[in-house]
Amino acid sequence: MNETSLTYFYDALIASRAIQSFCSEHSFDDYCSNDLLSSAVERKFEIIGEALNRIKKTSPEDLSAISNWPAIIGFRNILAHTYDHVEEAVIWGIVTQQIPKFILELEAINGIEG
């Protein structure tokens, strides 16, 4: 795996950990009623998707380390371009069910520091 991909994977890891940290003491109701929290989470999702998209453009073979990378990039595009159609429950489900798995996948990539 090349250094550029490792850098982007690291960016995705940091953003994923931030999402987990932001939400760890909050409920779904908190997420829905706190614009600062929801905005921060959505921004970190955009960073994750963009990082993987950059890997796709430069070294797509490196994405084999991530099980669901097309959906992650697609989710970023939805947040960025059709933000008004994203349900809060969907985002919260990804936060609680997918982010922990994604972090484990990223941490398993040899060469990522963090």
PDB file of N, CA and C in Angstrom:
ATOM      1  N   MET A   1       0.858  -1.182   0.000  1.00  0.00           N
ATOM      2  CA  MET A   1       0.000   0.000   0.000  1.00  0.00           C
ATOM      3  C   MET A   1       0.900   1.240   0.000  1.00  0.00           C
ATOM      4  N   ASN A   2       0.523   2.223  -0.796  1.00  0.00           N
ATOM      5  CA  ASN A   2       1.382   3.403  -0.893  1.00  0.00           C
ATOM      6  C   ASN A   2       1.111   4.410   0.230  1.00  0.00           C
ATOM      7  N   GLU A   3       2.046   5.318   0.406  1.00  0.00           N
ATOM      8  CA  GLU A   3       1.978   6.305   1.492  1.00  0.00           C
ATOM      9  C   GLU A   3       0.776   7.242   1.356  1.00  0.00           C
ATOM     10  N   THR A   4       0.421   7.578   0.131  1.00  0.00           N
ATOM     11  CA  THR A   4      -0.720   8.470  -0.071  1.00  0.00           C
ATOM     12  C   THR A   4      -2.002   7.810   0.432  1.00  0.00           C
ATOM     13  N   SER A   5      -2.204   6.551   0.103  1.00  0.00           N
ATOM     14  CA  SER A   5      -3.386   5.837   0.581  1.00  0.00           C
ATOM     15  C   SER A   5      -3.381   5.750   2.101  1.00  0.00           C
ATOM     16  N   LEU A   6      -2.240   5.470   2.671  1.00  0.00           N
ATOM     17  CA  LEU A   6      -2.151   5.393   4.136  1.00  0.00           C
ATOM     18  C   LEU A   6      -2.533   6.725   4.778  1.00  0.00           C
ATOM     19  N   THR A   7      -2.121   7.820   4.160  1.00  0.00           N
ATOM     20  CA  THR A   7      -2.481   9.142   4.682  1.00  0.00           C
ATOM     21  C   THR A   7      -3.992   9.349   4.635  1.00  0.00           C
ATOM     22  N   TYR A   8      -4.611   8.976   3.525  1.00  0.00           N
ATOM     23  CA  TYR A   8      -6.064   9.131   3.416  1.00  0.00           C
ATOM     24  C   TYR A   8      -6.804   8.185   4.363  1.00  0.00           C
ATOM     25  N   PHE A   9      -6.313   6.968   4.516  1.00  0.00           N
ATOM     26  CA  PHE A   9      -6.918   6.051   5.486  1.00  0.00           C
ATOM     27  C   PHE A   9      -6.794   6.612   6.903  1.00  0.00           C
ATOM     28  N   TYR A  10      -5.669   7.214   7.192  1.00  0.00           N
ATOM     29  CA  TYR A  10      -5.477   7.833   8.504  1.00  0.00           C
ATOM     30  C   TYR A  10      -6.480   8.972   8.709  1.00  0.00           C
ATOM     31  N   ASP A  11      -6.673   9.789   7.686  1.00  0.00           N
ATOM     32  CA  ASP A  11      -7.674  10.861   7.780  1.00  0.00           C
ATOM     33  C   ASP A  11      -9.059  10.289   8.070  1.00  0.00           C
ATOM     34  N   ALA A  12      -9.398   9.186   7.406  1.00  0.00           N
ATOM     35  CA  ALA A  12     -10.694   8.543   7.631  1.00  0.00           C
ATOM     36  C   ALA A  12     -10.785   7.992   9.051  1.00  0.00           C
ATOM     37  N   LEU A  13      -9.693   7.447   9.546  1.00  0.00           N
ATOM     38  CA  LEU A  13      -9.679   6.926  10.915  1.00  0.00           C
ATOM     39  C   LEU A  13      -9.889   8.039  11.929  1.00  0.00           C
ATOM     40  N   ILE A  14      -9.182   9.131  11.774  1.00  0.00           N
ATOM     41  CA  ILE A  14      -9.329  10.265  12.697  1.00  0.00           C
ATOM     42  C   ILE A  14     -10.765  10.801  12.660  1.00  0.00           C
ATOM     43  N   ALA A  15     -11.331  10.924  11.473  1.00  0.00           N
ATOM     44  CA  ALA A  15     -12.709  11.418  11.351  1.00  0.00           C
ATOM     45  C   ALA A  15     -13.696  10.436  11.980  1.00  0.00           C
ATOM     46  N   SER A  16     -13.463   9.149  11.805  1.00  0.00           N
ATOM     47  CA  SER A  16     -14.350   8.128  12.379  1.00  0.00           C
ATOM     48  C   SER A  16     -14.298   8.147  13.902  1.00  0.00           C
ATOM     49  N   ARG A  17     -13.104   8.261  14.424  1.00  0.00           N
ATOM     50  CA  ARG A  17     -12.959   8.346  15.884  1.00  0.00           C
ATOM     51  C   ARG A  17     -13.616   9.605  16.422  1.00  0.00           C
ATOM     52  N   ALA A  18     -13.547  10.688  15.665  1.00  0.00           N
ATOM     53  CA  ALA A  18     -14.208  11.926  16.091  1.00  0.00           C
ATOM     54  C   ALA A  18     -15.715  11.736  16.152  1.00  0.00           C
ATOM     55  N   ILE A  19     -16.279  11.085  15.148  1.00  0.00           N
ATOM     56  CA  ILE A  19     -17.719  10.807  15.169  1.00  0.00           C
ATOM     57  C   ILE A  19     -18.077  10.010  16.409  1.00  0.00           C
ATOM     58  N   GLN A  20     -17.307   8.978  16.672  1.00  0.00           N
ATOM     59  CA  GLN A  20     -17.568   8.136  17.838  1.00  0.00           C
ATOM     60  C   GLN A  20     -17.474   8.960  19.128  1.00  0.00           C
ATOM     61  N   SER A  21     -16.470   9.805  19.212  1.00  0.00           N
ATOM     62  CA  SER A  21     -16.289  10.648  20.391  1.00  0.00           C
ATOM     63  C   SER A  21     -17.429  11.663  20.544  1.00  0.00           C
ATOM     64  N   PHE A  22     -17.776  12.305  19.441  1.00  0.00           N
ATOM     65  CA  PHE A  22     -18.848  13.301  19.487  1.00  0.00           C
ATOM     66  C   PHE A  22     -20.155  12.702  20.005  1.00  0.00           C
ATOM     67  N   CYS A  23     -20.420  11.460  19.601  1.00  0.00           N
ATOM     68  CA  CYS A  23     -21.730  10.859  19.857  1.00  0.00           C
ATOM     69  C   CYS A  23     -21.769   9.961  21.088  1.00  0.00           C
ATOM     70  N   SER A  24     -20.638   9.688  21.686  1.00  0.00           N
ATOM     71  CA  SER A  24     -20.575   8.679  22.752  1.00  0.00           C
ATOM     72  C   SER A  24     -21.451   8.993  23.955  1.00  0.00           C
ATOM     73  N   GLU A  25     -21.635  10.226  24.255  1.00  0.00           N
ATOM     74  CA  GLU A  25     -22.436  10.607  25.422  1.00  0.00           C
ATOM     75  C   GLU A  25     -23.813  11.154  25.033  1.00  0.00           C
ATOM     76  N   HIS A  26     -24.211  10.912  23.788  1.00  0.00           N
ATOM     77  CA  HIS A  26     -25.453  11.489  23.296  1.00  0.00           C
ATOM     78  C   HIS A  26     -26.417  10.415  22.808  1.00  0.00           C
ATOM     79  N   SER A  27     -27.678  10.762  22.817  1.00  0.00           N
ATOM     80  CA  SER A  27     -28.740   9.890  22.317  1.00  0.00           C
ATOM     81  C   SER A  27     -29.156  10.347  20.925  1.00  0.00           C
ATOM     82  N   PHE A  28     -30.002   9.550  20.312  1.00  0.00           N
ATOM     83  CA  PHE A  28     -30.558   9.929  19.021  1.00  0.00           C
ATOM     84  C   PHE A  28     -31.312  11.247  19.131  1.00  0.00           C
ATOM     85  N   ASP A  29     -32.068  11.429  20.192  1.00  0.00           N
ATOM     86  CA  ASP A  29     -32.797  12.692  20.381  1.00  0.00           C
ATOM     87  C   ASP A  29     -31.844  13.875  20.478  1.00  0.00           C
ATOM     88  N   ASP A  30     -30.715  13.674  21.166  1.00  0.00           N
ATOM     89  CA  ASP A  30     -29.705  14.738  21.234  1.00  0.00           C
ATOM     90  C   ASP A  30     -29.213  15.078  19.839  1.00  0.00           C
ATOM     91  N   TYR A  31     -28.919  14.040  19.065  1.00  0.00           N
ATOM     92  CA  TYR A  31     -28.422  14.249  17.709  1.00  0.00           C
ATOM     93  C   TYR A  31     -29.424  15.067  16.892  1.00  0.00           C
ATOM     94  N   CYS A  32     -30.691  14.726  17.005  1.00  0.00           N
ATOM     95  CA  CYS A  32     -31.735  15.402  16.220  1.00  0.00           C
ATOM     96  C   CYS A  32     -31.935  16.853  16.648  1.00  0.00           C
ATOM     97  N   SER A  33     -31.716  17.136  17.908  1.00  0.00           N
ATOM     98  CA  SER A  33     -32.016  18.481  18.407  1.00  0.00           C
ATOM     99  C   SER A  33     -30.790  19.383  18.517  1.00  0.00           C
ATOM    100  N   ASN A  34     -29.609  18.840  18.283  1.00  0.00           N
ATOM    101  CA  ASN A  34     -28.389  19.620  18.437  1.00  0.00           C
ATOM    102  C   ASN A  34     -27.740  19.842  17.074  1.00  0.00           C
ATOM    103  N   ASP A  35     -27.953  21.023  16.525  1.00  0.00           N
ATOM    104  CA  ASP A  35     -27.437  21.323  15.191  1.00  0.00           C
ATOM    105  C   ASP A  35     -25.909  21.274  15.139  1.00  0.00           C
ATOM    106  N   LEU A  36     -25.264  21.685  16.198  1.00  0.00           N
ATOM    107  CA  LEU A  36     -23.804  21.634  16.227  1.00  0.00           C
ATOM    108  C   LEU A  36     -23.312  20.196  16.146  1.00  0.00           C
ATOM    109  N   LEU A  37     -23.928  19.303  16.901  1.00  0.00           N
ATOM    110  CA  LEU A  37     -23.553  17.887  16.888  1.00  0.00           C
ATOM    111  C   LEU A  37     -23.801  17.271  15.518  1.00  0.00           C
ATOM    112  N   SER A  38     -24.989  17.460  14.979  1.00  0.00           N
ATOM    113  CA  SER A  38     -25.301  16.842  13.693  1.00  0.00           C
ATOM    114  C   SER A  38     -24.426  17.414  12.575  1.00  0.00           C
ATOM    115  N   SER A  39     -24.154  18.698  12.620  1.00  0.00           N
ATOM    116  CA  SER A  39     -23.292  19.305  11.597  1.00  0.00           C
ATOM    117  C   SER A  39     -21.871  18.757  11.681  1.00  0.00           C
ATOM    118  N   ALA A  40     -21.367  18.591  12.879  1.00  0.00           N
ATOM    119  CA  ALA A  40     -20.014  18.059  13.064  1.00  0.00           C
ATOM    120  C   ALA A  40     -19.925  16.619  12.566  1.00  0.00           C
ATOM    121  N   VAL A  41     -20.916  15.819  12.888  1.00  0.00           N
ATOM    122  CA  VAL A  41     -20.926  14.423  12.448  1.00  0.00           C
ATOM    123  C   VAL A  41     -20.991  14.341  10.934  1.00  0.00           C
ATOM    124  N   GLU A  42     -21.875  15.101  10.335  1.00  0.00           N
ATOM    125  CA  GLU A  42     -22.006  15.077   8.874  1.00  0.00           C
ATOM    126  C   GLU A  42     -20.721  15.530   8.196  1.00  0.00           C
ATOM    127  N   ARG A  43     -20.058  16.521   8.733  1.00  0.00           N
ATOM    128  CA  ARG A  43     -18.783  16.983   8.157  1.00  0.00           C
ATOM    129  C   ARG A  43     -17.742  15.873   8.201  1.00  0.00           C
ATOM    130  N   LYS A  44     -17.671  15.158   9.312  1.00  0.00           N
ATOM    131  CA  LYS A  44     -16.701  14.066   9.427  1.00  0.00           C
ATOM    132  C   LYS A  44     -17.035  12.941   8.446  1.00  0.00           C
ATOM    133  N   PHE A  45     -18.314  12.672   8.222  1.00  0.00           N
ATOM    134  CA  PHE A  45     -18.690  11.682   7.211  1.00  0.00           C
ATOM    135  C   PHE A  45     -18.240  12.132   5.814  1.00  0.00           C
ATOM    136  N   GLU A  46     -18.350  13.412   5.539  1.00  0.00           N
ATOM    137  CA  GLU A  46     -17.887  13.926   4.251  1.00  0.00           C
ATOM    138  C   GLU A  46     -16.383  13.724   4.097  1.00  0.00           C
ATOM    139  N   ILE A  47     -15.627  13.952   5.157  1.00  0.00           N
ATOM    140  CA  ILE A  47     -14.174  13.738   5.120  1.00  0.00           C
ATOM    141  C   ILE A  47     -13.857  12.274   4.863  1.00  0.00           C
ATOM    142  N   ILE A  48     -14.554  11.383   5.540  1.00  0.00           N
ATOM    143  CA  ILE A  48     -14.325   9.941   5.342  1.00  0.00           C
ATOM    144  C   ILE A  48     -14.569   9.564   3.887  1.00  0.00           C
ATOM    145  N   GLY A  49     -15.705   9.963   3.354  1.00  0.00           N
ATOM    146  CA  GLY A  49     -16.042   9.618   1.979  1.00  0.00           C
ATOM    147  C   GLY A  49     -15.081  10.213   0.980  1.00  0.00           C
ATOM    148  N   GLU A  50     -14.665  11.441   1.223  1.00  0.00           N
ATOM    149  CA  GLU A  50     -13.721  12.089   0.310  1.00  0.00           C
ATOM    150  C   GLU A  50     -12.356  11.417   0.372  1.00  0.00           C
ATOM    151  N   ALA A  51     -11.916  11.035   1.547  1.00  0.00           N
ATOM    152  CA  ALA A  51     -10.634  10.334   1.678  1.00  0.00           C
ATOM    153  C   ALA A  51     -10.648   9.036   0.873  1.00  0.00           C
ATOM    154  N   LEU A  52     -11.730   8.261   0.995  1.00  0.00           N
ATOM    155  CA  LEU A  52     -11.821   7.011   0.242  1.00  0.00           C
ATOM    156  C   LEU A  52     -11.947   7.271  -1.251  1.00  0.00           C
ATOM    157  N   ASN A  53     -12.636   8.331  -1.618  1.00  0.00           N
ATOM    158  CA  ASN A  53     -12.765   8.687  -3.026  1.00  0.00           C
ATOM    159  C   ASN A  53     -11.404   9.044  -3.632  1.00  0.00           C
ATOM    160  N   ARG A  54     -10.568   9.702  -2.864  1.00  0.00           N
ATOM    161  CA  ARG A  54      -9.226  10.040  -3.356  1.00  0.00           C
ATOM    162  C   ARG A  54      -8.387   8.780  -3.551  1.00  0.00           C
ATOM    163  N   ILE A  55      -8.551   7.821  -2.642  1.00  0.00           N
ATOM    164  CA  ILE A  55      -7.846   6.545  -2.811  1.00  0.00           C
ATOM    165  C   ILE A  55      -8.350   5.854  -4.073  1.00  0.00           C
ATOM    166  N   LYS A  56      -9.645   5.886  -4.287  1.00  0.00           N
ATOM    167  CA  LYS A  56     -10.236   5.277  -5.485  1.00  0.00           C
ATOM    168  C   LYS A  56      -9.618   5.846  -6.752  1.00  0.00           C
ATOM    169  N   LYS A  57      -9.346   7.132  -6.762  1.00  0.00           N
ATOM    170  CA  LYS A  57      -8.802   7.786  -7.950  1.00  0.00           C
ATOM    171  C   LYS A  57      -7.315   7.499  -8.157  1.00  0.00           C
ATOM    172  N   THR A  58      -6.584   7.280  -7.067  1.00  0.00           N
ATOM    173  CA  THR A  58      -5.130   7.130  -7.193  1.00  0.00           C
ATOM    174  C   THR A  58      -4.658   5.681  -7.079  1.00  0.00           C
ATOM    175  N   SER A  59      -5.267   4.915  -6.186  1.00  0.00           N
ATOM    176  CA  SER A  59      -4.833   3.526  -5.938  1.00  0.00           C
ATOM    177  C   SER A  59      -6.034   2.669  -5.555  1.00  0.00           C
ATOM    178  N   PRO A  60      -6.948   2.442  -6.488  1.00  0.00           N
ATOM    179  CA  PRO A  60      -8.196   1.746  -6.141  1.00  0.00           C
ATOM    180  C   PRO A  60      -7.975   0.365  -5.519  1.00  0.00           C
ATOM    181  N   GLU A  61      -6.872  -0.278  -5.850  1.00  0.00           N
ATOM    182  CA  GLU A  61      -6.609  -1.599  -5.280  1.00  0.00           C
ATOM    183  C   GLU A  61      -6.453  -1.544  -3.760  1.00  0.00           C
ATOM    184  N   ASP A  62      -6.070  -0.407  -3.224  1.00  0.00           N
ATOM    185  CA  ASP A  62      -5.905  -0.271  -1.778  1.00  0.00           C
ATOM    186  C   ASP A  62      -7.245  -0.297  -1.033  1.00  0.00           C
ATOM    187  N   LEU A  63      -8.322  -0.031  -1.739  1.00  0.00           N
ATOM    188  CA  LEU A  63      -9.643  -0.036  -1.099  1.00  0.00           C
ATOM    189  C   LEU A  63     -10.118  -1.432  -0.730  1.00  0.00           C
ATOM    190  N   SER A  64      -9.411  -2.460  -1.153  1.00  0.00           N
ATOM    191  CA  SER A  64      -9.792  -3.825  -0.780  1.00  0.00           C
ATOM    192  C   SER A  64      -9.754  -4.029   0.728  1.00  0.00           C
ATOM    193  N   ALA A  65      -9.088  -3.148   1.439  1.00  0.00           N
ATOM    194  CA  ALA A  65      -9.027  -3.226   2.902  1.00  0.00           C
ATOM    195  C   ALA A  65     -10.340  -2.815   3.565  1.00  0.00           C
ATOM    196  N   ILE A  66     -11.224  -2.187   2.802  1.00  0.00           N
ATOM    197  CA  ILE A  66     -12.485  -1.675   3.351  1.00  0.00           C
ATOM    198  C   ILE A  66     -13.647  -2.415   2.700  1.00  0.00           C
ATOM    199  N   SER A  67     -14.472  -3.046   3.531  1.00  0.00           N
ATOM    200  CA  SER A  67     -15.504  -3.943   3.005  1.00  0.00           C
ATOM    201  C   SER A  67     -16.605  -3.238   2.220  1.00  0.00           C
ATOM    202  N   ASN A  68     -16.959  -2.048   2.579  1.00  0.00           N
ATOM    203  CA  ASN A  68     -18.124  -1.415   1.953  1.00  0.00           C
ATOM    204  C   ASN A  68     -17.782  -0.026   1.410  1.00  0.00           C
ATOM    205  N   TRP A  69     -16.623   0.098   0.791  1.00  0.00           N
ATOM    206  CA  TRP A  69     -16.169   1.419   0.370  1.00  0.00           C
ATOM    207  C   TRP A  69     -17.085   2.104  -0.644  1.00  0.00           C
ATOM    208  N   PRO A  70     -17.730   1.396  -1.584  1.00  0.00           N
ATOM    209  CA  PRO A  70     -18.602   2.136  -2.514  1.00  0.00           C
ATOM    210  C   PRO A  70     -19.764   2.827  -1.790  1.00  0.00           C
ATOM    211  N   ALA A  71     -20.330   2.166  -0.796  1.00  0.00           N
ATOM    212  CA  ALA A  71     -21.439   2.766  -0.045  1.00  0.00           C
ATOM    213  C   ALA A  71     -20.968   3.963   0.773  1.00  0.00           C
ATOM    214  N   ILE A  72     -19.752   3.899   1.278  1.00  0.00           N
ATOM    215  CA  ILE A  72     -19.213   5.009   2.072  1.00  0.00           C
ATOM    216  C   ILE A  72     -19.016   6.241   1.191  1.00  0.00           C
ATOM    217  N   ILE A  73     -18.444   6.038   0.023  1.00  0.00           N
ATOM    218  CA  ILE A  73     -18.276   7.155  -0.916  1.00  0.00           C
ATOM    219  C   ILE A  73     -19.648   7.675  -1.355  1.00  0.00           C
ATOM    220  N   GLY A  74     -20.567   6.775  -1.623  1.00  0.00           N
ATOM    221  CA  GLY A  74     -21.917   7.171  -2.018  1.00  0.00           C
ATOM    222  C   GLY A  74     -22.624   7.972  -0.944  1.00  0.00           C
ATOM    223  N   PHE A  75     -22.433   7.579   0.309  1.00  0.00           N
ATOM    224  CA  PHE A  75     -23.051   8.298   1.420  1.00  0.00           C
ATOM    225  C   PHE A  75     -22.508   9.720   1.509  1.00  0.00           C
ATOM    226  N   ARG A  76     -21.216   9.869   1.285  1.00  0.00           N
ATOM    227  CA  ARG A  76     -20.613  11.202   1.268  1.00  0.00           C
ATOM    228  C   ARG A  76     -21.254  12.065   0.193  1.00  0.00           C
ATOM    229  N   ASN A  77     -21.473  11.480  -0.971  1.00  0.00           N
ATOM    230  CA  ASN A  77     -22.083  12.227  -2.070  1.00  0.00           C
ATOM    231  C   ASN A  77     -23.517  12.625  -1.749  1.00  0.00           C
ATOM    232  N   ILE A  78     -24.238  11.749  -1.099  1.00  0.00           N
ATOM    233  CA  ILE A  78     -25.607  12.074  -0.684  1.00  0.00           C
ATOM    234  C   ILE A  78     -25.597  13.232   0.302  1.00  0.00           C
ATOM    235  N   LEU A  79     -24.717  13.162   1.299  1.00  0.00           N
ATOM    236  CA  LEU A  79     -24.640  14.251   2.282  1.00  0.00           C
ATOM    237  C   LEU A  79     -24.288  15.577   1.630  1.00  0.00           C
ATOM    238  N   ALA A  80     -23.386  15.537   0.673  1.00  0.00           N
ATOM    239  CA  ALA A  80     -22.923  16.773   0.045  1.00  0.00           C
ATOM    240  C   ALA A  80     -23.912  17.342  -0.962  1.00  0.00           C
ATOM    241  N   HIS A  81     -24.630  16.464  -1.666  1.00  0.00           N
ATOM    242  CA  HIS A  81     -25.436  16.942  -2.789  1.00  0.00           C
ATOM    243  C   HIS A  81     -26.943  16.827  -2.596  1.00  0.00           C
ATOM    244  N   THR A  82     -27.377  15.882  -1.795  1.00  0.00           N
ATOM    245  CA  THR A  82     -28.825  15.745  -1.547  1.00  0.00           C
ATOM    246  C   THR A  82     -29.095  15.695  -0.046  1.00  0.00           C
ATOM    247  N   TYR A  83     -28.434  16.589   0.643  1.00  0.00           N
ATOM    248  CA  TYR A  83     -28.507  16.674   2.099  1.00  0.00           C
ATOM    249  C   TYR A  83     -29.933  16.774   2.631  1.00  0.00           C
ATOM    250  N   ASP A  84     -30.811  17.348   1.861  1.00  0.00           N
ATOM    251  CA  ASP A  84     -32.182  17.556   2.324  1.00  0.00           C
ATOM    252  C   ASP A  84     -33.029  16.285   2.283  1.00  0.00           C
ATOM    253  N   HIS A  85     -32.463  15.198   1.780  1.00  0.00           N
ATOM    254  CA  HIS A  85     -33.198  13.936   1.723  1.00  0.00           C
ATOM    255  C   HIS A  85     -32.628  12.869   2.653  1.00  0.00           C
ATOM    256  N   VAL A  86     -31.693  13.247   3.500  1.00  0.00           N
ATOM    257  CA  VAL A  86     -31.077  12.292   4.409  1.00  0.00           C
ATOM    258  C   VAL A  86     -31.846  12.279   5.722  1.00  0.00           C
ATOM    259  N   GLU A  87     -32.255  11.110   6.123  1.00  0.00           N
ATOM    260  CA  GLU A  87     -32.989  10.970   7.380  1.00  0.00           C
ATOM    261  C   GLU A  87     -32.017  10.858   8.540  1.00  0.00           C
ATOM    262  N   GLU A  88     -32.331  11.563   9.612  1.00  0.00           N
ATOM    263  CA  GLU A  88     -31.468  11.545  10.793  1.00  0.00           C
ATOM    264  C   GLU A  88     -31.304  10.138  11.346  1.00  0.00           C
ATOM    265  N   ALA A  89     -32.355   9.329  11.261  1.00  0.00           N
ATOM    266  CA  ALA A  89     -32.279   7.963  11.773  1.00  0.00           C
ATOM    267  C   ALA A  89     -31.266   7.122  10.998  1.00  0.00           C
ATOM    268  N   VAL A  90     -31.144   7.394   9.710  1.00  0.00           N
ATOM    269  CA  VAL A  90     -30.160   6.670   8.894  1.00  0.00           C
ATOM    270  C   VAL A  90     -28.751   7.034   9.347  1.00  0.00           C
ATOM    271  N   ILE A  91     -28.505   8.325   9.518  1.00  0.00           N
ATOM    272  CA  ILE A  91     -27.185   8.756   9.967  1.00  0.00           C
ATOM    273  C   ILE A  91     -26.877   8.169  11.336  1.00  0.00           C
ATOM    274  N   TRP A  92     -27.816   8.237  12.241  1.00  0.00           N
ATOM    275  CA  TRP A  92     -27.594   7.712  13.594  1.00  0.00           C
ATOM    276  C   TRP A  92     -27.341   6.205  13.553  1.00  0.00           C
ATOM    277  N   GLY A  93     -28.029   5.495  12.691  1.00  0.00           N
ATOM    278  CA  GLY A  93     -27.785   4.058  12.552  1.00  0.00           C
ATOM    279  C   GLY A  93     -26.373   3.772  12.079  1.00  0.00           C
ATOM    280  N   ILE A  94     -25.874   4.578  11.171  1.00  0.00           N
ATOM    281  CA  ILE A  94     -24.492   4.409  10.698  1.00  0.00           C
ATOM    282  C   ILE A  94     -23.517   4.726  11.828  1.00  0.00           C
ATOM    283  N   VAL A  95     -23.808   5.775  12.574  1.00  0.00           N
ATOM    284  CA  VAL A  95     -22.951   6.146  13.709  1.00  0.00           C
ATOM    285  C   VAL A  95     -22.849   4.997  14.699  1.00  0.00           C
ATOM    286  N   THR A  96     -23.977   4.410  15.042  1.00  0.00           N
ATOM    287  CA  THR A  96     -23.981   3.407  16.111  1.00  0.00           C
ATOM    288  C   THR A  96     -23.638   2.004  15.641  1.00  0.00           C
ATOM    289  N   GLN A  97     -23.940   1.673  14.391  1.00  0.00           N
ATOM    290  CA  GLN A  97     -23.743   0.297  13.937  1.00  0.00           C
ATOM    291  C   GLN A  97     -22.556   0.118  13.001  1.00  0.00           C
ATOM    292  N   GLN A  98     -22.258   1.108  12.168  1.00  0.00           N
ATOM    293  CA  GLN A  98     -21.223   0.937  11.155  1.00  0.00           C
ATOM    294  C   GLN A  98     -19.881   1.555  11.519  1.00  0.00           C
ATOM    295  N   ILE A  99     -19.900   2.686  12.185  1.00  0.00           N
ATOM    296  CA  ILE A  99     -18.632   3.353  12.513  1.00  0.00           C
ATOM    297  C   ILE A  99     -17.717   2.464  13.368  1.00  0.00           C
ATOM    298  N   PRO A 100     -18.219   1.775  14.385  1.00  0.00           N
ATOM    299  CA  PRO A 100     -17.301   0.914  15.155  1.00  0.00           C
ATOM    300  C   PRO A 100     -16.624  -0.162  14.289  1.00  0.00           C
ATOM    301  N   LYS A 101     -17.364  -0.747  13.357  1.00  0.00           N
ATOM    302  CA  LYS A 101     -16.794  -1.754  12.454  1.00  0.00           C
ATOM    303  C   LYS A 101     -15.783  -1.119  11.502  1.00  0.00           C
ATOM    304  N   PHE A 102     -16.107   0.051  11.010  1.00  0.00           N
ATOM    305  CA  PHE A 102     -15.226   0.757  10.086  1.00  0.00           C
ATOM    306  C   PHE A 102     -13.902   1.105  10.770  1.00  0.00           C
ATOM    307  N   ILE A 103     -13.983   1.550  12.017  1.00  0.00           N
ATOM    308  CA  ILE A 103     -12.763   1.865  12.768  1.00  0.00           C
ATOM    309  C   ILE A 103     -11.884   0.624  12.895  1.00  0.00           C
ATOM    310  N   LEU A 104     -12.486  -0.504  13.177  1.00  0.00           N
ATOM    311  CA  LEU A 104     -11.709  -1.748  13.284  1.00  0.00           C
ATOM    312  C   LEU A 104     -11.031  -2.098  11.962  1.00  0.00           C
ATOM    313  N   GLU A 105     -11.729  -1.914  10.860  1.00  0.00           N
ATOM    314  CA  GLU A 105     -11.125  -2.171   9.552  1.00  0.00           C
ATOM    315  C   GLU A 105      -9.934  -1.249   9.300  1.00  0.00           C
ATOM    316  N   LEU A 106     -10.107   0.026   9.638  1.00  0.00           N
ATOM    317  CA  LEU A 106      -9.026   0.982   9.429  1.00  0.00           C
ATOM    318  C   LEU A 106      -7.834   0.660  10.323  1.00  0.00           C
ATOM    319  N   GLU A 107      -8.114   0.322  11.564  1.00  0.00           N
ATOM    320  CA  GLU A 107      -7.020   0.019  12.504  1.00  0.00           C
ATOM    321  C   GLU A 107      -6.255  -1.230  12.091  1.00  0.00           C
ATOM    322  N   ALA A 108      -6.865  -2.102  11.308  1.00  0.00           N
ATOM    323  CA  ALA A 108      -6.211  -3.333  10.865  1.00  0.00           C
ATOM    324  C   ALA A 108      -5.289  -3.111   9.660  1.00  0.00           C
ATOM    325  N   ILE A 109      -5.346  -1.931   9.072  1.00  0.00           N
ATOM    326  CA  ILE A 109      -4.484  -1.649   7.909  1.00  0.00           C
ATOM    327  C   ILE A 109      -3.063  -1.405   8.428  1.00  0.00           C
ATOM    328  N   ASN A 110      -2.165  -2.218   7.953  1.00  0.00           N
ATOM    329  CA  ASN A 110      -0.772  -2.120   8.372  1.00  0.00           C
ATOM    330  C   ASN A 110      -0.155  -0.819   7.857  1.00  0.00           C
ATOM    331  N   GLY A 111       0.396  -0.034   8.773  1.00  0.00           N
ATOM    332  CA  GLY A 111       1.057   1.193   8.386  1.00  0.00           C
ATOM    333  C   GLY A 111       0.323   2.452   8.786  1.00  0.00           C
ATOM    334  N   ILE A 112      -0.931   2.299   9.214  1.00  0.00           N
ATOM    335  CA  ILE A 112      -1.665   3.487   9.686  1.00  0.00           C
ATOM    336  C   ILE A 112      -1.209   3.772  11.108  1.00  0.00           C
ATOM    337  N   GLU A 113      -0.856   5.003  11.331  1.00  0.00           N
ATOM    338  CA  GLU A 113      -0.474   5.414  12.680  1.00  0.00           C
ATOM    339  C   GLU A 113      -1.680   6.063  13.340  1.00  0.00           C
ATOM    340  N   GLY A 114      -1.836   5.829  14.601  1.00  0.00           N
ATOM    341  CA  GLY A 114      -2.937   6.460  15.295  1.00  0.00           C
ATOM    342  C   GLY A 114      -3.462   5.586  16.341  1.00  0.00           C
TER     343      GLY A 114
END
